[in-house]
């Protein structure tokens, strides 16, 4: 080993460790966002289905002063830990949009998903 090559193995090892750490961090963030996206899509579907069910067969004993399909959608959204951002009733179907804010250490993205349901 010549004098000019001294410490190069240390630098290469440090570079490899930083590269592996960066790749691992990216994989963990991607996994967290992907999992949240799937859970959000399922929550949107359940919220739309509950509102559509209310359209065809409203429950006899409903709570609240104004029982509507959107009120049913709000209850299901809260149970799924998402926020109902839009609820529209049109031509016998219900379209909902739900959102959730992720608390990642590097960012705080807000994910949204929409679903539509109606009677069959």
PDB file of N, CA and C in Angstrom:
ATOM      1  N   UNK A   1       0.850  -1.163   0.000  1.00  0.00           N
ATOM      2  CA  UNK A   1       0.000   0.000   0.000  1.00  0.00           C
ATOM      3  C   UNK A   1       0.901   1.233   0.000  1.00  0.00           C
ATOM      4  N   UNK A   2       0.597   2.094  -0.923  1.00  0.00           N
ATOM      5  CA  UNK A   2       1.392   3.314  -1.011  1.00  0.00           C
ATOM      6  C   UNK A   2       0.836   4.371  -0.077  1.00  0.00           C
ATOM      7  N   UNK A   3       1.613   5.401   0.086  1.00  0.00           N
ATOM      8  CA  UNK A   3       1.213   6.471   0.997  1.00  0.00           C
ATOM      9  C   UNK A   3      -0.058   7.176   0.527  1.00  0.00           C
ATOM     10  N   UNK A   4      -0.274   7.297  -0.772  1.00  0.00           N
ATOM     11  CA  UNK A   4      -1.454   7.985  -1.291  1.00  0.00           C
ATOM     12  C   UNK A   4      -2.732   7.158  -1.131  1.00  0.00           C
ATOM     13  N   UNK A   5      -2.584   5.857  -0.891  1.00  0.00           N
ATOM     14  CA  UNK A   5      -3.760   4.983  -0.737  1.00  0.00           C
ATOM     15  C   UNK A   5      -4.174   4.788   0.718  1.00  0.00           C
ATOM     16  N   UNK A   6      -3.484   5.364   1.636  1.00  0.00           N
ATOM     17  CA  UNK A   6      -3.793   5.178   3.052  1.00  0.00           C
ATOM     18  C   UNK A   6      -5.160   5.770   3.366  1.00  0.00           C
ATOM     19  N   UNK A   7      -6.016   5.008   4.046  1.00  0.00           N
ATOM     20  CA  UNK A   7      -7.341   5.481   4.449  1.00  0.00           C
ATOM     21  C   UNK A   7      -8.412   5.286   3.389  1.00  0.00           C
ATOM     22  N   UNK A   8      -8.049   4.783   2.219  1.00  0.00           N
ATOM     23  CA  UNK A   8      -9.066   4.624   1.169  1.00  0.00           C
ATOM     24  C   UNK A   8     -10.068   3.520   1.526  1.00  0.00           C
ATOM     25  N   UNK A   9      -9.631   2.479   2.221  1.00  0.00           N
ATOM     26  CA  UNK A   9     -10.562   1.418   2.636  1.00  0.00           C
ATOM     27  C   UNK A   9     -11.572   1.960   3.637  1.00  0.00           C
ATOM     28  N   UNK A  10     -11.135   2.849   4.500  1.00  0.00           N
ATOM     29  CA  UNK A  10     -12.050   3.464   5.453  1.00  0.00           C
ATOM     30  C   UNK A  10     -13.095   4.298   4.737  1.00  0.00           C
ATOM     31  N   UNK A  11     -12.694   5.065   3.757  1.00  0.00           N
ATOM     32  CA  UNK A  11     -13.624   5.886   3.005  1.00  0.00           C
ATOM     33  C   UNK A  11     -14.606   5.030   2.204  1.00  0.00           C
ATOM     34  N   UNK A  12     -14.113   3.964   1.597  1.00  0.00           N
ATOM     35  CA  UNK A  12     -15.001   3.071   0.850  1.00  0.00           C
ATOM     36  C   UNK A  12     -16.005   2.385   1.775  1.00  0.00           C
ATOM     37  N   UNK A  13     -15.562   1.975   2.943  1.00  0.00           N
ATOM     38  CA  UNK A  13     -16.469   1.350   3.911  1.00  0.00           C
ATOM     39  C   UNK A  13     -17.507   2.344   4.404  1.00  0.00           C
ATOM     40  N   UNK A  14     -17.105   3.555   4.665  1.00  0.00           N
ATOM     41  CA  UNK A  14     -18.025   4.592   5.109  1.00  0.00           C
ATOM     42  C   UNK A  14     -19.047   4.912   4.019  1.00  0.00           C
ATOM     43  N   UNK A  15     -18.593   5.006   2.775  1.00  0.00           N
ATOM     44  CA  UNK A  15     -19.499   5.263   1.663  1.00  0.00           C
ATOM     45  C   UNK A  15     -20.504   4.120   1.510  1.00  0.00           C
ATOM     46  N   UNK A  16     -20.054   2.885   1.633  1.00  0.00           N
ATOM     47  CA  UNK A  16     -20.957   1.728   1.520  1.00  0.00           C
ATOM     48  C   UNK A  16     -21.983   1.734   2.658  1.00  0.00           C
ATOM     49  N   UNK A  17     -21.560   2.078   3.858  1.00  0.00           N
ATOM     50  CA  UNK A  17     -22.492   2.120   4.993  1.00  0.00           C
ATOM     51  C   UNK A  17     -23.549   3.198   4.791  1.00  0.00           C
ATOM     52  N   UNK A  18     -23.148   4.369   4.302  1.00  0.00           N
ATOM     53  CA  UNK A  18     -24.107   5.445   4.044  1.00  0.00           C
ATOM     54  C   UNK A  18     -25.072   5.039   2.941  1.00  0.00           C
ATOM     55  N   UNK A  19     -24.583   4.393   1.912  1.00  0.00           N
ATOM     56  CA  UNK A  19     -25.418   3.929   0.808  1.00  0.00           C
ATOM     57  C   UNK A  19     -26.448   2.901   1.288  1.00  0.00           C
ATOM     58  N   UNK A  20     -26.032   1.964   2.116  1.00  0.00           N
ATOM     59  CA  UNK A  20     -26.945   0.953   2.651  1.00  0.00           C
ATOM     60  C   UNK A  20     -27.976   1.593   3.578  1.00  0.00           C
ATOM     61  N   UNK A  21     -27.549   2.515   4.405  1.00  0.00           N
ATOM     62  CA  UNK A  21     -28.473   3.209   5.301  1.00  0.00           C
ATOM     63  C   UNK A  21     -29.513   4.018   4.518  1.00  0.00           C
ATOM     64  N   UNK A  22     -29.095   4.671   3.459  1.00  0.00           N
ATOM     65  CA  UNK A  22     -30.020   5.432   2.624  1.00  0.00           C
ATOM     66  C   UNK A  22     -31.033   4.515   1.946  1.00  0.00           C
ATOM     67  N   UNK A  23     -30.571   3.403   1.418  1.00  0.00           N
ATOM     68  CA  UNK A  23     -31.477   2.451   0.770  1.00  0.00           C
ATOM     69  C   UNK A  23     -32.460   1.859   1.777  1.00  0.00           C
ATOM     70  N   UNK A  24     -32.012   1.559   2.964  1.00  0.00           N
ATOM     71  CA  UNK A  24     -32.880   1.020   4.005  1.00  0.00           C
ATOM     72  C   UNK A  24     -33.937   2.044   4.439  1.00  0.00           C
ATOM     73  N   UNK A  25     -33.540   3.287   4.579  1.00  0.00           N
ATOM     74  CA  UNK A  25     -34.486   4.345   4.936  1.00  0.00           C
ATOM     75  C   UNK A  25     -35.543   4.528   3.852  1.00  0.00           C
ATOM     76  N   UNK A  26     -35.122   4.517   2.598  1.00  0.00           N
ATOM     77  CA  UNK A  26     -36.070   4.648   1.489  1.00  0.00           C
ATOM     78  C   UNK A  26     -37.044   3.476   1.463  1.00  0.00           C
ATOM     79  N   UNK A  27     -36.564   2.279   1.714  1.00  0.00           N
ATOM     80  CA  UNK A  27     -37.436   1.101   1.717  1.00  0.00           C
ATOM     81  C   UNK A  27     -38.448   1.162   2.863  1.00  0.00           C
ATOM     82  N   UNK A  28     -38.035   1.623   4.019  1.00  0.00           N
ATOM     83  CA  UNK A  28     -38.947   1.732   5.160  1.00  0.00           C
ATOM     84  C   UNK A  28     -40.016   2.788   4.894  1.00  0.00           C
ATOM     85  N   UNK A  29     -39.630   3.936   4.343  1.00  0.00           N
ATOM     86  CA  UNK A  29     -40.603   4.984   4.022  1.00  0.00           C
ATOM     87  C   UNK A  29     -41.589   4.512   2.958  1.00  0.00           C
ATOM     88  N   UNK A  30     -41.099   3.858   1.924  1.00  0.00           N
ATOM     89  CA  UNK A  30     -41.968   3.348   0.869  1.00  0.00           C
ATOM     90  C   UNK A  30     -42.955   2.330   1.437  1.00  0.00           C
ATOM     91  N   UNK A  31     -42.480   1.471   2.314  1.00  0.00           N
ATOM     92  CA  UNK A  31     -43.337   0.462   2.926  1.00  0.00           C
ATOM     93  C   UNK A  31     -44.429   1.108   3.781  1.00  0.00           C
ATOM     94  N   UNK A  32     -44.078   2.117   4.560  1.00  0.00           N
ATOM     95  CA  UNK A  32     -45.062   2.790   5.415  1.00  0.00           C
ATOM     96  C   UNK A  32     -46.126   3.495   4.574  1.00  0.00           C
ATOM     97  N   UNK A  33     -45.721   4.163   3.515  1.00  0.00           N
ATOM     98  CA  UNK A  33     -46.672   4.865   2.656  1.00  0.00           C
ATOM     99  C   UNK A  33     -47.551   3.874   1.905  1.00  0.00           C
ATOM    100  N   UNK A  34     -46.977   2.801   1.425  1.00  0.00           N
ATOM    101  CA  UNK A  34     -47.749   1.790   0.698  1.00  0.00           C
ATOM    102  C   UNK A  34     -48.789   1.123   1.597  1.00  0.00           C
ATOM    103  N   UNK A  35     -48.402   0.790   2.802  1.00  0.00           N
ATOM    104  CA  UNK A  35     -49.337   0.178   3.747  1.00  0.00           C
ATOM    105  C   UNK A  35     -50.471   1.143   4.097  1.00  0.00           C
ATOM    106  N   UNK A  36     -50.122   2.399   4.336  1.00  0.00           N
ATOM    107  CA  UNK A  36     -51.153   3.397   4.643  1.00  0.00           C
ATOM    108  C   UNK A  36     -52.084   3.605   3.467  1.00  0.00           C
ATOM    109  N   UNK A  37     -51.571   3.550   2.267  1.00  0.00           N
ATOM    110  CA  UNK A  37     -52.397   3.723   1.070  1.00  0.00           C
ATOM    111  C   UNK A  37     -53.415   2.592   0.947  1.00  0.00           C
ATOM    112  N   UNK A  38     -52.995   1.363   1.197  1.00  0.00           N
ATOM    113  CA  UNK A  38     -53.911   0.222   1.133  1.00  0.00           C
ATOM    114  C   UNK A  38     -54.992   0.316   2.215  1.00  0.00           C
ATOM    115  N   UNK A  39     -54.595   0.675   3.424  1.00  0.00           N
ATOM    116  CA  UNK A  39     -55.578   0.830   4.504  1.00  0.00           C
ATOM    117  C   UNK A  39     -56.549   1.963   4.203  1.00  0.00           C
ATOM    118  N   UNK A  40     -56.068   3.038   3.585  1.00  0.00           N
ATOM    119  CA  UNK A  40     -56.923   4.167   3.234  1.00  0.00           C
ATOM    120  C   UNK A  40     -57.923   3.780   2.153  1.00  0.00           C
ATOM    121  N   UNK A  41     -57.493   3.001   1.175  1.00  0.00           N
ATOM    122  CA  UNK A  41     -58.411   2.550   0.123  1.00  0.00           C
ATOM    123  C   UNK A  41     -59.503   1.657   0.707  1.00  0.00           C
ATOM    124  N   UNK A  42     -59.139   0.784   1.627  1.00  0.00           N
ATOM    125  CA  UNK A  42     -60.135  -0.070   2.277  1.00  0.00           C
ATOM    126  C   UNK A  42     -61.113   0.764   3.109  1.00  0.00           C
ATOM    127  N   UNK A  43     -60.604   1.769   3.805  1.00  0.00           N
ATOM    128  CA  UNK A  43     -61.478   2.641   4.595  1.00  0.00           C
ATOM    129  C   UNK A  43     -62.426   3.423   3.697  1.00  0.00           C
ATOM    130  N   UNK A  44     -61.948   3.876   2.544  1.00  0.00           N
ATOM    131  CA  UNK A  44     -62.813   4.594   1.596  1.00  0.00           C
ATOM    132  C   UNK A  44     -63.915   3.685   1.084  1.00  0.00           C
ATOM    133  N   UNK A  45     -63.573   2.443   0.756  1.00  0.00           N
ATOM    134  CA  UNK A  45     -64.584   1.486   0.288  1.00  0.00           C
ATOM    135  C   UNK A  45     -65.636   1.220   1.359  1.00  0.00           C
ATOM    136  N   UNK A  46     -65.193   0.984   2.587  1.00  0.00           N
ATOM    137  CA  UNK A  46     -66.140   0.720   3.671  1.00  0.00           C
ATOM    138  C   UNK A  46     -67.038   1.923   3.951  1.00  0.00           C
ATOM    139  N   UNK A  47     -66.456   3.102   3.870  1.00  0.00           N
ATOM    140  CA  UNK A  47     -67.231   4.317   4.108  1.00  0.00           C
ATOM    141  C   UNK A  47     -68.298   4.493   3.032  1.00  0.00           C
ATOM    142  N   UNK A  48     -67.930   4.283   1.776  1.00  0.00           N
ATOM    143  CA  UNK A  48     -68.895   4.416   0.683  1.00  0.00           C
ATOM    144  C   UNK A  48     -69.986   3.345   0.773  1.00  0.00           C
ATOM    145  N   UNK A  49     -69.602   2.128   1.133  1.00  0.00           N
ATOM    146  CA  UNK A  49     -70.588   1.052   1.255  1.00  0.00           C
ATOM    147  C   UNK A  49     -71.577   1.313   2.386  1.00  0.00           C
ATOM    148  N   UNK A  50     -71.100   1.856   3.491  1.00  0.00           N
ATOM    149  CA  UNK A  50     -72.020   2.139   4.604  1.00  0.00           C
ATOM    150  C   UNK A  50     -72.997   3.240   4.228  1.00  0.00           C
ATOM    151  N   UNK A  51     -72.533   4.237   3.499  1.00  0.00           N
ATOM    152  CA  UNK A  51     -73.421   5.314   3.073  1.00  0.00           C
ATOM    153  C   UNK A  51     -74.427   4.804   2.042  1.00  0.00           C
ATOM    154  N   UNK A  52     -74.000   3.944   1.135  1.00  0.00           N
ATOM    155  CA  UNK A  52     -74.910   3.388   0.131  1.00  0.00           C
ATOM    156  C   UNK A  52     -75.940   2.472   0.775  1.00  0.00           C
ATOM    157  N   UNK A  53     -75.530   1.737   1.771  1.00  0.00           N
ATOM    158  CA  UNK A  53     -76.467   0.885   2.507  1.00  0.00           C
ATOM    159  C   UNK A  53     -77.540   1.749   3.178  1.00  0.00           C
ATOM    160  N   UNK A  54     -77.140   2.886   3.680  1.00  0.00           N
ATOM    161  CA  UNK A  54     -78.079   3.804   4.319  1.00  0.00           C
ATOM    162  C   UNK A  54     -79.091   4.340   3.301  1.00  0.00           C
ATOM    163  N   UNK A  55     -78.675   4.491   2.038  1.00  0.00           N
ATOM    164  CA  UNK A  55     -79.589   4.963   0.992  1.00  0.00           C
ATOM    165  C   UNK A  55     -80.743   3.997   0.776  1.00  0.00           C
ATOM    166  N   UNK A  56     -80.436   2.710   0.730  1.00  0.00           N
ATOM    167  CA  UNK A  56     -81.460   1.713   0.410  1.00  0.00           C
ATOM    168  C   UNK A  56     -82.227   1.237   1.630  1.00  0.00           C
ATOM    169  N   UNK A  57     -81.555   1.192   2.772  1.00  0.00           N
ATOM    170  CA  UNK A  57     -82.192   0.643   3.964  1.00  0.00           C
ATOM    171  C   UNK A  57     -81.765   1.434   5.197  1.00  0.00           C
ATOM    172  N   UNK A  58     -82.358   2.618   5.413  1.00  0.00           N
ATOM    173  CA  UNK A  58     -81.954   3.392   6.593  1.00  0.00           C
ATOM    174  C   UNK A  58     -82.343   2.672   7.874  1.00  0.00           C
ATOM    175  N   UNK A  59     -81.457   2.656   8.851  1.00  0.00           N
ATOM    176  CA  UNK A  59     -81.773   1.987  10.112  1.00  0.00           C
ATOM    177  C   UNK A  59     -82.925   2.686  10.824  1.00  0.00           C
ATOM    178  N   UNK A  60     -83.704   1.912  11.564  1.00  0.00           N
ATOM    179  CA  UNK A  60     -84.880   2.457  12.251  1.00  0.00           C
ATOM    180  C   UNK A  60     -84.482   3.398  13.383  1.00  0.00           C
ATOM    181  N   UNK A  61     -83.494   2.990  14.163  1.00  0.00           N
ATOM    182  CA  UNK A  61     -83.073   3.808  15.307  1.00  0.00           C
ATOM    183  C   UNK A  61     -81.726   4.418  14.986  1.00  0.00           C
ATOM    184  N   UNK A  62     -81.731   5.624  14.448  1.00  0.00           N
ATOM    185  CA  UNK A  62     -80.474   6.305  14.153  1.00  0.00           C
ATOM    186  C   UNK A  62     -80.220   7.366  15.202  1.00  0.00           C
ATOM    187  N   UNK A  63     -78.951   7.585  15.459  1.00  0.00           N
ATOM    188  CA  UNK A  63     -78.602   8.597  16.443  1.00  0.00           C
ATOM    189  C   UNK A  63     -78.269   9.887  15.731  1.00  0.00           C
ATOM    190  N   UNK A  64     -78.508  10.979  16.366  1.00  0.00           N
ATOM    191  CA  UNK A  64     -78.199  12.272  15.792  1.00  0.00           C
ATOM    192  C   UNK A  64     -79.441  12.962  15.284  1.00  0.00           C
ATOM    193  N   UNK A  65     -79.397  14.273  15.164  1.00  0.00           N
ATOM    194  CA  UNK A  65     -80.569  15.028  14.759  1.00  0.00           C
ATOM    195  C   UNK A  65     -80.911  14.884  13.276  1.00  0.00           C
ATOM    196  N   UNK A  66     -79.934  14.627  12.417  1.00  0.00           N
ATOM    197  CA  UNK A  66     -80.181  14.586  10.984  1.00  0.00           C
ATOM    198  C   UNK A  66     -79.536  13.332  10.386  1.00  0.00           C
ATOM    199  N   UNK A  67     -80.211  12.183  10.457  1.00  0.00           N
ATOM    200  CA  UNK A  67     -79.605  10.956   9.925  1.00  0.00           C
ATOM    201  C   UNK A  67     -79.587  10.979   8.394  1.00  0.00           C
ATOM    202  N   UNK A  68     -78.404  10.998   7.830  1.00  0.00           N
ATOM    203  CA  UNK A  68     -78.218  10.999   6.385  1.00  0.00           C
ATOM    204  C   UNK A  68     -77.150   9.969   6.022  1.00  0.00           C
ATOM    205  N   UNK A  69     -77.061   9.626   4.749  1.00  0.00           N
ATOM    206  CA  UNK A  69     -75.980   8.722   4.336  1.00  0.00           C
ATOM    207  C   UNK A  69     -74.594   9.288   4.650  1.00  0.00           C
ATOM    208  N   UNK A  70     -74.438  10.588   4.526  1.00  0.00           N
ATOM    209  CA  UNK A  70     -73.133  11.189   4.818  1.00  0.00           C
ATOM    210  C   UNK A  70     -72.805  11.130   6.310  1.00  0.00           C
ATOM    211  N   UNK A  71     -73.834  11.212   7.154  1.00  0.00           N
ATOM    212  CA  UNK A  71     -73.595  11.065   8.597  1.00  0.00           C
ATOM    213  C   UNK A  71     -73.134   9.644   8.911  1.00  0.00           C
ATOM    214  N   UNK A  72     -73.724   8.671   8.223  1.00  0.00           N
ATOM    215  CA  UNK A  72     -73.274   7.290   8.399  1.00  0.00           C
ATOM    216  C   UNK A  72     -71.836   7.139   7.910  1.00  0.00           C
ATOM    217  N   UNK A  73     -71.506   7.823   6.824  1.00  0.00           N
ATOM    218  CA  UNK A  73     -70.143   7.761   6.295  1.00  0.00           C
ATOM    219  C   UNK A  73     -69.145   8.374   7.269  1.00  0.00           C
ATOM    220  N   UNK A  74     -69.538   9.449   7.931  1.00  0.00           N
ATOM    221  CA  UNK A  74     -68.650  10.081   8.926  1.00  0.00           C
ATOM    222  C   UNK A  74     -68.367   9.121  10.068  1.00  0.00           C
ATOM    223  N   UNK A  75     -69.402   8.429  10.532  1.00  0.00           N
ATOM    224  CA  UNK A  75     -69.204   7.483  11.648  1.00  0.00           C
ATOM    225  C   UNK A  75     -68.235   6.365  11.259  1.00  0.00           C
ATOM    226  N   UNK A  76     -68.397   5.824  10.058  1.00  0.00           N
ATOM    227  CA  UNK A  76     -67.507   4.737   9.629  1.00  0.00           C
ATOM    228  C   UNK A  76     -66.090   5.260   9.394  1.00  0.00           C
ATOM    229  N   UNK A  77     -65.971   6.468   8.872  1.00  0.00           N
ATOM    230  CA  UNK A  77     -64.641   7.042   8.659  1.00  0.00           C
ATOM    231  C   UNK A  77     -63.912   7.232   9.989  1.00  0.00           C
ATOM    232  N   UNK A  78     -64.620   7.711  10.988  1.00  0.00           N
ATOM    233  CA  UNK A  78     -64.009   7.893  12.310  1.00  0.00           C
ATOM    234  C   UNK A  78     -63.576   6.553  12.891  1.00  0.00           C
ATOM    235  N   UNK A  79     -64.392   5.537  12.710  1.00  0.00           N
ATOM    236  CA  UNK A  79     -64.026   4.201  13.214  1.00  0.00           C
ATOM    237  C   UNK A  79     -62.792   3.639  12.514  1.00  0.00           C
ATOM    238  N   UNK A  80     -62.532   4.089  11.278  1.00  0.00           N
ATOM    239  CA  UNK A  80     -61.368   3.624  10.528  1.00  0.00           C
ATOM    240  C   UNK A  80     -60.180   4.578  10.632  1.00  0.00           C
ATOM    241  N   UNK A  81     -60.270   5.548  11.533  1.00  0.00           N
ATOM    242  CA  UNK A  81     -59.177   6.508  11.769  1.00  0.00           C
ATOM    243  C   UNK A  81     -58.788   7.299  10.527  1.00  0.00           C
ATOM    244  N   UNK A  82     -59.788   7.665   9.716  1.00  0.00           N
ATOM    245  CA  UNK A  82     -59.568   8.539   8.572  1.00  0.00           C
ATOM    246  C   UNK A  82     -60.518   9.720   8.674  1.00  0.00           C
ATOM    247  N   UNK A  83     -60.294  10.718   7.850  1.00  0.00           N
ATOM    248  CA  UNK A  83     -61.136  11.907   7.871  1.00  0.00           C
ATOM    249  C   UNK A  83     -61.932  11.971   6.570  1.00  0.00           C
ATOM    250  N   UNK A  84     -63.240  12.108   6.693  1.00  0.00           N
ATOM    251  CA  UNK A  84     -64.101  12.234   5.517  1.00  0.00           C
ATOM    252  C   UNK A  84     -63.983  13.661   4.998  1.00  0.00           C
ATOM    253  N   UNK A  85     -63.466  13.815   3.783  1.00  0.00           N
ATOM    254  CA  UNK A  85     -63.271  15.151   3.225  1.00  0.00           C
ATOM    255  C   UNK A  85     -64.357  15.531   2.228  1.00  0.00           C
ATOM    256  N   UNK A  86     -65.041  14.531   1.669  1.00  0.00           N
ATOM    257  CA  UNK A  86     -66.111  14.833   0.719  1.00  0.00           C
ATOM    258  C   UNK A  86     -67.112  13.696   0.704  1.00  0.00           C
ATOM    259  N   UNK A  87     -68.383  14.056   0.623  1.00  0.00           N
ATOM    260  CA  UNK A  87     -69.458  13.073   0.530  1.00  0.00           C
ATOM    261  C   UNK A  87     -70.515  13.661  -0.398  1.00  0.00           C
ATOM    262  N   UNK A  88     -70.761  12.968  -1.513  1.00  0.00           N
ATOM    263  CA  UNK A  88     -71.728  13.459  -2.495  1.00  0.00           C
ATOM    264  C   UNK A  88     -72.709  12.347  -2.840  1.00  0.00           C
ATOM    265  N   UNK A  89     -73.998  12.697  -2.812  1.00  0.00           N
ATOM    266  CA  UNK A  89     -75.049  11.749  -3.155  1.00  0.00           C
ATOM    267  C   UNK A  89     -75.608  12.165  -4.515  1.00  0.00           C
ATOM    268  N   UNK A  90     -75.598  11.215  -5.462  1.00  0.00           N
ATOM    269  CA  UNK A  90     -76.110  11.540  -6.792  1.00  0.00           C
ATOM    270  C   UNK A  90     -76.674  10.289  -7.459  1.00  0.00           C
ATOM    271  N   UNK A  91     -77.898  10.400  -7.935  1.00  0.00           N
ATOM    272  CA  UNK A  91     -78.550   9.341  -8.718  1.00  0.00           C
ATOM    273  C   UNK A  91     -78.474   7.975  -8.039  1.00  0.00           C
ATOM    274  N   UNK A  92     -78.749   7.929  -6.758  1.00  0.00           N
ATOM    275  CA  UNK A  92     -78.789   6.649  -6.059  1.00  0.00           C
ATOM    276  C   UNK A  92     -77.437   6.072  -5.701  1.00  0.00           C
ATOM    277  N   UNK A  93     -76.381   6.840  -5.832  1.00  0.00           N
ATOM    278  CA  UNK A  93     -75.065   6.357  -5.424  1.00  0.00           C
ATOM    279  C   UNK A  93     -74.399   7.407  -4.533  1.00  0.00           C
ATOM    280  N   UNK A  94     -73.388   6.966  -3.842  1.00  0.00           N
ATOM    281  CA  UNK A  94     -72.661   7.845  -2.929  1.00  0.00           C
ATOM    282  C   UNK A  94     -71.188   7.816  -3.319  1.00  0.00           C
ATOM    283  N   UNK A  95     -70.598   8.988  -3.422  1.00  0.00           N
ATOM    284  CA  UNK A  95     -69.168   9.111  -3.674  1.00  0.00           C
ATOM    285  C   UNK A  95     -68.541   9.783  -2.462  1.00  0.00           C
ATOM    286  N   UNK A  96     -67.518   9.147  -1.918  1.00  0.00           N
ATOM    287  CA  UNK A  96     -66.839   9.698  -0.746  1.00  0.00           C
ATOM    288  C   UNK A  96     -65.356   9.857  -1.037  1.00  0.00           C
ATOM    289  N   UNK A  97     -64.766  10.783  -0.328  1.00  0.00           N
ATOM    290  CA  UNK A  97     -63.320  10.950  -0.367  1.00  0.00           C
ATOM    291  C   UNK A  97     -62.835  11.041   1.076  1.00  0.00           C
ATOM    292  N   UNK A  98     -61.833  10.235   1.390  1.00  0.00           N
ATOM    293  CA  UNK A  98     -61.279  10.223   2.739  1.00  0.00           C
ATOM    294  C   UNK A  98     -59.789  10.551   2.669  1.00  0.00           C
ATOM    295  N   UNK A  99     -59.261  11.044   3.773  1.00  0.00           N
ATOM    296  CA  UNK A  99     -57.841  11.367   3.818  1.00  0.00           C
ATOM    297  C   UNK A  99     -57.269  10.996   5.179  1.00  0.00           C
ATOM    298  N   UNK A 100     -55.963  10.838   5.184  1.00  0.00           N
ATOM    299  CA  UNK A 100     -55.241  10.562   6.420  1.00  0.00           C
ATOM    300  C   UNK A 100     -53.872  11.233   6.321  1.00  0.00           C
ATOM    301  N   UNK A 101     -53.409  11.784   7.427  1.00  0.00           N
ATOM    302  CA  UNK A 101     -52.085  12.400   7.479  1.00  0.00           C
ATOM    303  C   UNK A 101     -51.127  11.435   8.142  1.00  0.00           C
ATOM    304  N   UNK A 102     -50.048  11.163   7.454  1.00  0.00           N
ATOM    305  CA  UNK A 102     -49.025  10.275   8.010  1.00  0.00           C
ATOM    306  C   UNK A 102     -48.023  11.106   8.797  1.00  0.00           C
ATOM    307  N   UNK A 103     -47.524  10.536   9.861  1.00  0.00           N
ATOM    308  CA  UNK A 103     -46.522  11.211  10.674  1.00  0.00           C
ATOM    309  C   UNK A 103     -45.192  10.480  10.510  1.00  0.00           C
ATOM    310  N   UNK A 104     -44.526  10.753   9.384  1.00  0.00           N
ATOM    311  CA  UNK A 104     -43.200  10.198   9.156  1.00  0.00           C
ATOM    312  C   UNK A 104     -42.189  11.168   9.746  1.00  0.00           C
ATOM    313  N   UNK A 105     -41.027  10.694  10.047  1.00  0.00           N
ATOM    314  CA  UNK A 105     -40.042  11.566  10.688  1.00  0.00           C
ATOM    315  C   UNK A 105     -39.478  12.611   9.734  1.00  0.00           C
ATOM    316  N   UNK A 106     -39.491  12.321   8.440  1.00  0.00           N
ATOM    317  CA  UNK A 106     -38.900  13.253   7.480  1.00  0.00           C
ATOM    318  C   UNK A 106     -39.939  14.123   6.791  1.00  0.00           C
ATOM    319  N   UNK A 107     -41.206  13.713   6.806  1.00  0.00           N
ATOM    320  CA  UNK A 107     -42.262  14.473   6.136  1.00  0.00           C
ATOM    321  C   UNK A 107     -43.605  14.120   6.758  1.00  0.00           C
ATOM    322  N   UNK A 108     -44.630  14.906   6.432  1.00  0.00           N
ATOM    323  CA  UNK A 108     -45.990  14.659   6.902  1.00  0.00           C
ATOM    324  C   UNK A 108     -46.947  14.705   5.714  1.00  0.00           C
ATOM    325  N   UNK A 109     -46.912  13.668   4.854  1.00  0.00           N
ATOM    326  CA  UNK A 109     -47.792  13.680   3.688  1.00  0.00           C
ATOM    327  C   UNK A 109     -49.240  13.381   4.066  1.00  0.00           C
ATOM    328  N   UNK A 110     -50.158  13.928   3.283  1.00  0.00           N
ATOM    329  CA  UNK A 110     -51.576  13.639   3.432  1.00  0.00           C
ATOM    330  C   UNK A 110     -52.005  12.804   2.240  1.00  0.00           C
ATOM    331  N   UNK A 111     -52.505  11.614   2.503  1.00  0.00           N
ATOM    332  CA  UNK A 111     -52.959  10.717   1.450  1.00  0.00           C
ATOM    333  C   UNK A 111     -54.473  10.800   1.339  1.00  0.00           C
ATOM    334  N   UNK A 112     -54.992  10.702   0.122  1.00  0.00           N
ATOM    335  CA  UNK A 112     -56.435  10.717  -0.089  1.00  0.00           C
ATOM    336  C   UNK A 112     -56.832   9.542  -0.965  1.00  0.00           C
ATOM    337  N   UNK A 113     -58.069   9.104  -0.776  1.00  0.00           N
ATOM    338  CA  UNK A 113     -58.632   8.036  -1.600  1.00  0.00           C
ATOM    339  C   UNK A 113     -60.120   8.312  -1.771  1.00  0.00           C
ATOM    340  N   UNK A 114     -60.643   7.911  -2.901  1.00  0.00           N
ATOM    341  CA  UNK A 114     -62.059   8.101  -3.185  1.00  0.00           C
ATOM    342  C   UNK A 114     -62.698   6.758  -3.514  1.00  0.00           C
ATOM    343  N   UNK A 115     -63.991   6.650  -3.232  1.00  0.00           N
ATOM    344  CA  UNK A 115     -64.734   5.426  -3.543  1.00  0.00           C
ATOM    345  C   UNK A 115     -66.172   5.809  -3.859  1.00  0.00           C
ATOM    346  N   UNK A 116     -66.804   4.982  -4.663  1.00  0.00           N
ATOM    347  CA  UNK A 116     -68.191   5.210  -5.035  1.00  0.00           C
ATOM    348  C   UNK A 116     -68.950   3.902  -4.854  1.00  0.00           C
ATOM    349  N   UNK A 117     -70.145   3.987  -4.291  1.00  0.00           N
ATOM    350  CA  UNK A 117     -70.958   2.794  -4.082  1.00  0.00           C
ATOM    351  C   UNK A 117     -72.417   3.158  -4.252  1.00  0.00           C
ATOM    352  N   UNK A 118     -73.189   2.167  -4.641  1.00  0.00           N
ATOM    353  CA  UNK A 118     -74.621   2.365  -4.800  1.00  0.00           C
ATOM    354  C   UNK A 118     -75.329   1.023  -4.718  1.00  0.00           C
ATOM    355  N   UNK A 119     -76.633   1.048  -4.733  1.00  0.00           N
ATOM    356  CA  UNK A 119     -77.365  -0.219  -4.646  1.00  0.00           C
ATOM    357  C   UNK A 119     -77.180  -1.047  -5.918  1.00  0.00           C
ATOM    358  N   UNK A 120     -77.267  -2.336  -5.744  1.00  0.00           N
ATOM    359  CA  UNK A 120     -77.128  -3.239  -6.901  1.00  0.00           C
ATOM    360  C   UNK A 120     -78.463  -3.608  -7.486  1.00  0.00           C
TER     361      UNK A 120
END
